[in-house]
């Protein structure tokens, strides 16, 4: 899975902000605010990846157990699905 559209992720005044770029602006108006974990996952979803790879990336980056990483990934992916942002 990966993101449907092209986005630019920026850190502005301590906050992670995602905005659509190019033709994606036509399909997605607005911006997305993310926390650090969301930004971390978002970056990985710009390339084809799997749920398991996202969980493994969280385990390597943060000091969390597998259950916590799985919940974080599942929650984030669900929000992206609801916004119709996943391919």
PDB file of N, CA and C in Angstrom:
ATOM      1  N   UNK A   1       0.841  -1.179   0.000  1.00  0.00           N
ATOM      2  CA  UNK A   1       0.000   0.000   0.000  1.00  0.00           C
ATOM      3  C   UNK A   1       0.877   1.231   0.000  1.00  0.00           C
ATOM      4  N   UNK A   2       0.311   2.323  -0.459  1.00  0.00           N
ATOM      5  CA  UNK A   2       1.010   3.605  -0.442  1.00  0.00           C
ATOM      6  C   UNK A   2      -0.027   4.709  -0.590  1.00  0.00           C
ATOM      7  N   UNK A   3       0.412   5.936  -0.454  1.00  0.00           N
ATOM      8  CA  UNK A   3      -0.489   7.077  -0.598  1.00  0.00           C
ATOM      9  C   UNK A   3      -0.931   7.221  -2.043  1.00  0.00           C
ATOM     10  N   UNK A   4      -2.172   7.648  -2.232  1.00  0.00           N
ATOM     11  CA  UNK A   4      -2.705   7.860  -3.578  1.00  0.00           C
ATOM     12  C   UNK A   4      -2.105   9.085  -4.246  1.00  0.00           C
ATOM     13  N   UNK A   5      -1.878  10.112  -3.475  1.00  0.00           N
ATOM     14  CA  UNK A   5      -1.527  11.411  -4.045  1.00  0.00           C
ATOM     15  C   UNK A   5      -0.124  11.840  -3.638  1.00  0.00           C
ATOM     16  N   UNK A   6       0.339  12.900  -4.289  1.00  0.00           N
ATOM     17  CA  UNK A   6       1.630  13.484  -3.940  1.00  0.00           C
ATOM     18  C   UNK A   6       1.426  14.536  -2.859  1.00  0.00           C
ATOM     19  N   UNK A   7       2.213  14.438  -1.807  1.00  0.00           N
ATOM     20  CA  UNK A   7       2.129  15.376  -0.696  1.00  0.00           C
ATOM     21  C   UNK A   7       3.516  15.860  -0.329  1.00  0.00           C
ATOM     22  N   UNK A   8       3.552  17.019   0.295  1.00  0.00           N
ATOM     23  CA  UNK A   8       4.790  17.575   0.815  1.00  0.00           C
ATOM     24  C   UNK A   8       4.646  17.639   2.337  1.00  0.00           C
ATOM     25  N   UNK A   9       5.583  17.038   3.047  1.00  0.00           N
ATOM     26  CA  UNK A   9       5.586  17.038   4.505  1.00  0.00           C
ATOM     27  C   UNK A   9       6.603  18.060   4.974  1.00  0.00           C
ATOM     28  N   UNK A  10       6.168  18.960   5.835  1.00  0.00           N
ATOM     29  CA  UNK A  10       7.047  20.000   6.374  1.00  0.00           C
ATOM     30  C   UNK A  10       6.851  20.097   7.883  1.00  0.00           C
ATOM     31  N   UNK A  11       7.913  20.484   8.567  1.00  0.00           N
ATOM     32  CA  UNK A  11       7.826  20.772   9.995  1.00  0.00           C
ATOM     33  C   UNK A  11       7.834  22.285  10.138  1.00  0.00           C
ATOM     34  N   UNK A  12       6.739  22.827  10.663  1.00  0.00           N
ATOM     35  CA  UNK A  12       6.572  24.270  10.792  1.00  0.00           C
ATOM     36  C   UNK A  12       6.278  24.590  12.253  1.00  0.00           C
ATOM     37  N   UNK A  13       7.142  25.361  12.870  1.00  0.00           N
ATOM     38  CA  UNK A  13       6.977  25.775  14.267  1.00  0.00           C
ATOM     39  C   UNK A  13       6.713  24.577  15.181  1.00  0.00           C
ATOM     40  N   UNK A  14       7.424  23.482  14.937  1.00  0.00           N
ATOM     41  CA  UNK A  14       7.298  22.304  15.779  1.00  0.00           C
ATOM     42  C   UNK A  14       6.153  21.374  15.416  1.00  0.00           C
ATOM     43  N   UNK A  15       5.384  21.701  14.392  1.00  0.00           N
ATOM     44  CA  UNK A  15       4.251  20.886  13.963  1.00  0.00           C
ATOM     45  C   UNK A  15       4.526  20.307  12.580  1.00  0.00           C
ATOM     46  N   UNK A  16       4.073  19.080  12.364  1.00  0.00           N
ATOM     47  CA  UNK A  16       4.187  18.457  11.046  1.00  0.00           C
ATOM     48  C   UNK A  16       2.923  18.758  10.260  1.00  0.00           C
ATOM     49  N   UNK A  17       3.100  19.301   9.069  1.00  0.00           N
ATOM     50  CA  UNK A  17       1.992  19.691   8.207  1.00  0.00           C
ATOM     51  C   UNK A  17       2.196  19.034   6.847  1.00  0.00           C
ATOM     52  N   UNK A  18       1.125  18.471   6.310  1.00  0.00           N
ATOM     53  CA  UNK A  18       1.158  17.827   5.002  1.00  0.00           C
ATOM     54  C   UNK A  18       0.189  18.556   4.090  1.00  0.00           C
ATOM     55  N   UNK A  19       0.666  18.940   2.915  1.00  0.00           N
ATOM     56  CA  UNK A  19      -0.190  19.611   1.931  1.00  0.00           C
ATOM     57  C   UNK A  19      -0.046  18.898   0.590  1.00  0.00           C
ATOM     58  N   UNK A  20      -1.126  18.867  -0.195  1.00  0.00           N
ATOM     59  CA  UNK A  20      -1.040  18.248  -1.520  1.00  0.00           C
ATOM     60  C   UNK A  20      -0.245  19.132  -2.469  1.00  0.00           C
ATOM     61  N   UNK A  21       0.422  18.520  -3.428  1.00  0.00           N
ATOM     62  CA  UNK A  21       1.169  19.265  -4.441  1.00  0.00           C
ATOM     63  C   UNK A  21       0.749  18.791  -5.828  1.00  0.00           C
ATOM     64  N   UNK A  22       0.971  19.637  -6.814  1.00  0.00           N
ATOM     65  CA  UNK A  22       0.661  19.284  -8.194  1.00  0.00           C
ATOM     66  C   UNK A  22      -0.821  19.041  -8.401  1.00  0.00           C
ATOM     67  N   UNK A  23      -1.134  18.025  -9.191  1.00  0.00           N
ATOM     68  CA  UNK A  23      -2.520  17.712  -9.510  1.00  0.00           C
ATOM     69  C   UNK A  23      -3.303  17.216  -8.307  1.00  0.00           C
ATOM     70  N   UNK A  24      -2.614  16.801  -7.258  1.00  0.00           N
ATOM     71  CA  UNK A  24      -3.290  16.351  -6.044  1.00  0.00           C
ATOM     72  C   UNK A  24      -4.113  17.461  -5.410  1.00  0.00           C
ATOM     73  N   UNK A  25      -3.747  18.713  -5.670  1.00  0.00           N
ATOM     74  CA  UNK A  25      -4.486  19.849  -5.115  1.00  0.00           C
ATOM     75  C   UNK A  25      -5.936  19.853  -5.589  1.00  0.00           C
ATOM     76  N   UNK A  26      -6.179  19.334  -6.773  1.00  0.00           N
ATOM     77  CA  UNK A  26      -7.535  19.300  -7.321  1.00  0.00           C
ATOM     78  C   UNK A  26      -8.399  18.325  -6.537  1.00  0.00           C
ATOM     79  N   UNK A  27      -7.833  17.172  -6.161  1.00  0.00           N
ATOM     80  CA  UNK A  27      -8.589  16.123  -5.489  1.00  0.00           C
ATOM     81  C   UNK A  27      -8.630  16.270  -3.975  1.00  0.00           C
ATOM     82  N   UNK A  28      -7.676  16.965  -3.398  1.00  0.00           N
ATOM     83  CA  UNK A  28      -7.592  17.068  -1.940  1.00  0.00           C
ATOM     84  C   UNK A  28      -7.334  18.516  -1.565  1.00  0.00           C
ATOM     85  N   UNK A  29      -8.341  19.164  -1.034  1.00  0.00           N
ATOM     86  CA  UNK A  29      -8.193  20.558  -0.601  1.00  0.00           C
ATOM     87  C   UNK A  29      -7.965  20.589   0.899  1.00  0.00           C
ATOM     88  N   UNK A  30      -6.973  21.318   1.334  1.00  0.00           N
ATOM     89  CA  UNK A  30      -6.712  21.437   2.756  1.00  0.00           C
ATOM     90  C   UNK A  30      -5.314  20.981   3.095  1.00  0.00           C
ATOM     91  N   UNK A  31      -5.125  20.710   4.388  1.00  0.00           N
ATOM     92  CA  UNK A  31      -3.844  20.205   4.849  1.00  0.00           C
ATOM     93  C   UNK A  31      -4.096  19.229   5.977  1.00  0.00           C
ATOM     94  N   UNK A  32      -3.088  18.454   6.307  1.00  0.00           N
ATOM     95  CA  UNK A  32      -3.180  17.441   7.345  1.00  0.00           C
ATOM     96  C   UNK A  32      -2.132  17.762   8.399  1.00  0.00           C
ATOM     97  N   UNK A  33      -2.545  17.769   9.653  1.00  0.00           N
ATOM     98  CA  UNK A  33      -1.618  17.950  10.766  1.00  0.00           C
ATOM     99  C   UNK A  33      -1.291  16.577  11.341  1.00  0.00           C
ATOM    100  N   UNK A  34      -0.014  16.313  11.578  1.00  0.00           N
ATOM    101  CA  UNK A  34       0.420  15.020  12.093  1.00  0.00           C
ATOM    102  C   UNK A  34       1.306  15.198  13.313  1.00  0.00           C
ATOM    103  N   UNK A  35       1.274  14.191  14.192  1.00  0.00           N
ATOM    104  CA  UNK A  35       2.255  14.171  15.270  1.00  0.00           C
ATOM    105  C   UNK A  35       3.525  13.506  14.733  1.00  0.00           C
ATOM    106  N   UNK A  36       4.517  13.354  15.565  1.00  0.00           N
ATOM    107  CA  UNK A  36       5.803  12.817  15.111  1.00  0.00           C
ATOM    108  C   UNK A  36       5.667  11.400  14.561  1.00  0.00           C
ATOM    109  N   UNK A  37       4.886  10.561  15.240  1.00  0.00           N
ATOM    110  CA  UNK A  37       4.687   9.190  14.774  1.00  0.00           C
ATOM    111  C   UNK A  37       3.950   9.168  13.448  1.00  0.00           C
ATOM    112  N   UNK A  38       2.923  10.008  13.319  1.00  0.00           N
ATOM    113  CA  UNK A  38       2.184  10.095  12.066  1.00  0.00           C
ATOM    114  C   UNK A  38       3.073  10.536  10.921  1.00  0.00           C
ATOM    115  N   UNK A  39       3.937  11.505  11.175  1.00  0.00           N
ATOM    116  CA  UNK A  39       4.863  11.979  10.141  1.00  0.00           C
ATOM    117  C   UNK A  39       5.829  10.867   9.739  1.00  0.00           C
ATOM    118  N   UNK A  40       6.294  10.117  10.721  1.00  0.00           N
ATOM    119  CA  UNK A  40       7.200   8.993  10.468  1.00  0.00           C
ATOM    120  C   UNK A  40       6.534   7.969   9.547  1.00  0.00           C
ATOM    121  N   UNK A  41       5.298   7.594   9.864  1.00  0.00           N
ATOM    122  CA  UNK A  41       4.571   6.620   9.047  1.00  0.00           C
ATOM    123  C   UNK A  41       4.226   7.194   7.674  1.00  0.00           C
ATOM    124  N   UNK A  42       3.839   8.456   7.656  1.00  0.00           N
ATOM    125  CA  UNK A  42       3.463   9.111   6.404  1.00  0.00           C
ATOM    126  C   UNK A  42       4.615   9.075   5.401  1.00  0.00           C
ATOM    127  N   UNK A  43       5.821   9.343   5.887  1.00  0.00           N
ATOM    128  CA  UNK A  43       7.001   9.321   5.015  1.00  0.00           C
ATOM    129  C   UNK A  43       7.197   7.945   4.389  1.00  0.00           C
ATOM    130  N   UNK A  44       6.976   6.903   5.170  1.00  0.00           N
ATOM    131  CA  UNK A  44       7.165   5.552   4.653  1.00  0.00           C
ATOM    132  C   UNK A  44       6.086   5.158   3.654  1.00  0.00           C
ATOM    133  N   UNK A  45       4.905   5.756   3.796  1.00  0.00           N
ATOM    134  CA  UNK A  45       3.805   5.444   2.880  1.00  0.00           C
ATOM    135  C   UNK A  45       3.923   6.163   1.539  1.00  0.00           C
ATOM    136  N   UNK A  46       4.921   6.985   1.367  1.00  0.00           N
ATOM    137  CA  UNK A  46       5.133   7.611   0.067  1.00  0.00           C
ATOM    138  C   UNK A  46       5.726   6.603  -0.917  1.00  0.00           C
ATOM    139  N   UNK A  47       6.223   5.492  -0.396  1.00  0.00           N
ATOM    140  CA  UNK A  47       6.703   4.363  -1.203  1.00  0.00           C
ATOM    141  C   UNK A  47       5.827   3.156  -0.862  1.00  0.00           C
ATOM    142  N   UNK A  48       5.772   2.209  -1.759  1.00  0.00           N
ATOM    143  CA  UNK A  48       5.006   0.980  -1.511  1.00  0.00           C
ATOM    144  C   UNK A  48       5.550   0.294  -0.261  1.00  0.00           C
ATOM    145  N   UNK A  49       4.657  -0.065   0.658  1.00  0.00           N
ATOM    146  CA  UNK A  49       5.049  -0.725   1.898  1.00  0.00           C
ATOM    147  C   UNK A  49       3.889  -1.564   2.406  1.00  0.00           C
ATOM    148  N   UNK A  50       4.135  -2.365   3.414  1.00  0.00           N
ATOM    149  CA  UNK A  50       3.089  -3.204   3.999  1.00  0.00           C
ATOM    150  C   UNK A  50       2.862  -2.805   5.451  1.00  0.00           C
ATOM    151  N   UNK A  51       1.758  -3.271   6.002  1.00  0.00           N
ATOM    152  CA  UNK A  51       1.459  -3.030   7.414  1.00  0.00           C
ATOM    153  C   UNK A  51       2.607  -3.556   8.278  1.00  0.00           C
ATOM    154  N   UNK A  52       3.078  -4.750   7.966  1.00  0.00           N
ATOM    155  CA  UNK A  52       4.146  -5.371   8.744  1.00  0.00           C
ATOM    156  C   UNK A  52       5.434  -4.552   8.679  1.00  0.00           C
ATOM    157  N   UNK A  53       5.737  -4.002   7.509  1.00  0.00           N
ATOM    158  CA  UNK A  53       6.938  -3.164   7.375  1.00  0.00           C
ATOM    159  C   UNK A  53       6.803  -1.876   8.180  1.00  0.00           C
ATOM    160  N   UNK A  54       5.604  -1.315   8.234  1.00  0.00           N
ATOM    161  CA  UNK A  54       5.384  -0.109   9.038  1.00  0.00           C
ATOM    162  C   UNK A  54       5.562  -0.409  10.520  1.00  0.00           C
ATOM    163  N   UNK A  55       5.023  -1.538  10.962  1.00  0.00           N
ATOM    164  CA  UNK A  55       5.182  -1.934  12.367  1.00  0.00           C
ATOM    165  C   UNK A  55       6.658  -2.131  12.685  1.00  0.00           C
ATOM    166  N   UNK A  56       7.372  -2.827  11.819  1.00  0.00           N
ATOM    167  CA  UNK A  56       8.801  -3.060  12.039  1.00  0.00           C
ATOM    168  C   UNK A  56       9.574  -1.746  12.093  1.00  0.00           C
ATOM    169  N   UNK A  57       9.222  -0.805  11.241  1.00  0.00           N
ATOM    170  CA  UNK A  57       9.886   0.500  11.245  1.00  0.00           C
ATOM    171  C   UNK A  57       9.655   1.221  12.572  1.00  0.00           C
ATOM    172  N   UNK A  58       8.424   1.153  13.093  1.00  0.00           N
ATOM    173  CA  UNK A  58       8.144   1.777  14.394  1.00  0.00           C
ATOM    174  C   UNK A  58       8.945   1.110  15.504  1.00  0.00           C
ATOM    175  N   UNK A  59       9.028  -0.211  15.469  1.00  0.00           N
ATOM    176  CA  UNK A  59       9.784  -0.939  16.492  1.00  0.00           C
ATOM    177  C   UNK A  59      11.257  -0.551  16.478  1.00  0.00           C
ATOM    178  N   UNK A  60      11.796  -0.311  15.292  1.00  0.00           N
ATOM    179  CA  UNK A  60      13.204   0.066  15.176  1.00  0.00           C
ATOM    180  C   UNK A  60      13.454   1.518  15.575  1.00  0.00           C
ATOM    181  N   UNK A  61      12.468   2.387  15.361  1.00  0.00           N
ATOM    182  CA  UNK A  61      12.645   3.820  15.608  1.00  0.00           C
ATOM    183  C   UNK A  61      12.293   4.230  17.039  1.00  0.00           C
ATOM    184  N   UNK A  62      11.270   3.597  17.601  1.00  0.00           N
ATOM    185  CA  UNK A  62      10.751   3.990  18.910  1.00  0.00           C
ATOM    186  C   UNK A  62      10.825   2.820  19.883  1.00  0.00           C
ATOM    187  N   UNK A  63      10.869   3.133  21.142  1.00  0.00           N
ATOM    188  CA  UNK A  63      10.904   2.106  22.175  1.00  0.00           C
ATOM    189  C   UNK A  63       9.478   1.723  22.551  1.00  0.00           C
ATOM    190  N   UNK A  64       8.844   0.927  21.695  1.00  0.00           N
ATOM    191  CA  UNK A  64       7.486   0.444  21.937  1.00  0.00           C
ATOM    192  C   UNK A  64       7.452  -1.052  21.691  1.00  0.00           C
ATOM    193  N   UNK A  65       6.429  -1.715  22.270  1.00  0.00           N
ATOM    194  CA  UNK A  65       6.276  -3.140  22.009  1.00  0.00           C
ATOM    195  C   UNK A  65       5.473  -3.343  20.729  1.00  0.00           C
ATOM    196  N   UNK A  66       5.440  -4.569  20.263  1.00  0.00           N
ATOM    197  CA  UNK A  66       4.801  -4.863  18.977  1.00  0.00           C
ATOM    198  C   UNK A  66       3.305  -4.564  18.994  1.00  0.00           C
ATOM    199  N   UNK A  67       2.637  -4.825  20.120  1.00  0.00           N
ATOM    200  CA  UNK A  67       1.195  -4.557  20.204  1.00  0.00           C
ATOM    201  C   UNK A  67       0.914  -3.066  20.077  1.00  0.00           C
ATOM    202  N   UNK A  68       1.705  -2.246  20.752  1.00  0.00           N
ATOM    203  CA  UNK A  68       1.532  -0.792  20.684  1.00  0.00           C
ATOM    204  C   UNK A  68       1.813  -0.285  19.274  1.00  0.00           C
ATOM    205  N   UNK A  69       2.863  -0.788  18.660  1.00  0.00           N
ATOM    206  CA  UNK A  69       3.193  -0.388  17.287  1.00  0.00           C
ATOM    207  C   UNK A  69       2.072  -0.787  16.333  1.00  0.00           C
ATOM    208  N   UNK A  70       1.533  -1.982  16.504  1.00  0.00           N
ATOM    209  CA  UNK A  70       0.438  -2.446  15.657  1.00  0.00           C
ATOM    210  C   UNK A  70      -0.797  -1.586  15.794  1.00  0.00           C
ATOM    211  N   UNK A  71      -1.131  -1.193  17.017  1.00  0.00           N
ATOM    212  CA  UNK A  71      -2.290  -0.323  17.243  1.00  0.00           C
ATOM    213  C   UNK A  71      -2.073   1.038  16.597  1.00  0.00           C
ATOM    214  N   UNK A  72      -0.871   1.568  16.722  1.00  0.00           N
ATOM    215  CA  UNK A  72      -0.573   2.875  16.129  1.00  0.00           C
ATOM    216  C   UNK A  72      -0.693   2.817  14.609  1.00  0.00           C
ATOM    217  N   UNK A  73      -0.141   1.784  14.010  1.00  0.00           N
ATOM    218  CA  UNK A  73      -0.205   1.631  12.552  1.00  0.00           C
ATOM    219  C   UNK A  73      -1.649   1.450  12.101  1.00  0.00           C
ATOM    220  N   UNK A  74      -2.386   0.573  12.775  1.00  0.00           N
ATOM    221  CA  UNK A  74      -3.776   0.321  12.384  1.00  0.00           C
ATOM    222  C   UNK A  74      -4.628   1.576  12.497  1.00  0.00           C
ATOM    223  N   UNK A  75      -4.456   2.333  13.571  1.00  0.00           N
ATOM    224  CA  UNK A  75      -5.212   3.570  13.744  1.00  0.00           C
ATOM    225  C   UNK A  75      -4.885   4.594  12.671  1.00  0.00           C
ATOM    226  N   UNK A  76      -3.616   4.725  12.357  1.00  0.00           N
ATOM    227  CA  UNK A  76      -3.190   5.686  11.336  1.00  0.00           C
ATOM    228  C   UNK A  76      -3.706   5.284   9.957  1.00  0.00           C
ATOM    229  N   UNK A  77      -3.580   4.001   9.623  1.00  0.00           N
ATOM    230  CA  UNK A  77      -4.062   3.527   8.324  1.00  0.00           C
ATOM    231  C   UNK A  77      -5.571   3.706   8.192  1.00  0.00           C
ATOM    232  N   UNK A  78      -6.303   3.485   9.269  1.00  0.00           N
ATOM    233  CA  UNK A  78      -7.754   3.661   9.227  1.00  0.00           C
ATOM    234  C   UNK A  78      -8.121   5.110   8.936  1.00  0.00           C
ATOM    235  N   UNK A  79      -7.421   6.043   9.554  1.00  0.00           N
ATOM    236  CA  UNK A  79      -7.688   7.464   9.284  1.00  0.00           C
ATOM    237  C   UNK A  79      -7.392   7.808   7.827  1.00  0.00           C
ATOM    238  N   UNK A  80      -6.324   7.250   7.279  1.00  0.00           N
ATOM    239  CA  UNK A  80      -6.000   7.491   5.873  1.00  0.00           C
ATOM    240  C   UNK A  80      -7.052   6.872   4.954  1.00  0.00           C
ATOM    241  N   UNK A  81      -7.552   5.686   5.324  1.00  0.00           N
ATOM    242  CA  UNK A  81      -8.607   5.051   4.519  1.00  0.00           C
ATOM    243  C   UNK A  81      -9.878   5.891   4.536  1.00  0.00           C
ATOM    244  N   UNK A  82     -10.237   6.388   5.715  1.00  0.00           N
ATOM    245  CA  UNK A  82     -11.444   7.212   5.837  1.00  0.00           C
ATOM    246  C   UNK A  82     -11.345   8.468   4.979  1.00  0.00           C
ATOM    247  N   UNK A  83     -10.146   8.999   4.851  1.00  0.00           N
ATOM    248  CA  UNK A  83      -9.931  10.185   4.015  1.00  0.00           C
ATOM    249  C   UNK A  83      -9.682   9.803   2.554  1.00  0.00           C
ATOM    250  N   UNK A  84      -9.722   8.505   2.250  1.00  0.00           N
ATOM    251  CA  UNK A  84      -9.509   7.978   0.899  1.00  0.00           C
ATOM    252  C   UNK A  84      -8.145   8.391   0.341  1.00  0.00           C
ATOM    253  N   UNK A  85      -7.112   8.261   1.169  1.00  0.00           N
ATOM    254  CA  UNK A  85      -5.764   8.656   0.758  1.00  0.00           C
ATOM    255  C   UNK A  85      -4.848   7.479   0.435  1.00  0.00           C
ATOM    256  N   UNK A  86      -5.317   6.246   0.664  1.00  0.00           N
ATOM    257  CA  UNK A  86      -4.476   5.081   0.382  1.00  0.00           C
ATOM    258  C   UNK A  86      -4.813   4.471  -0.967  1.00  0.00           C
ATOM    259  N   UNK A  87      -3.779   4.082  -1.691  1.00  0.00           N
ATOM    260  CA  UNK A  87      -3.975   3.424  -2.995  1.00  0.00           C
ATOM    261  C   UNK A  87      -4.294   1.960  -2.779  1.00  0.00           C
TER     262      UNK A  87
END
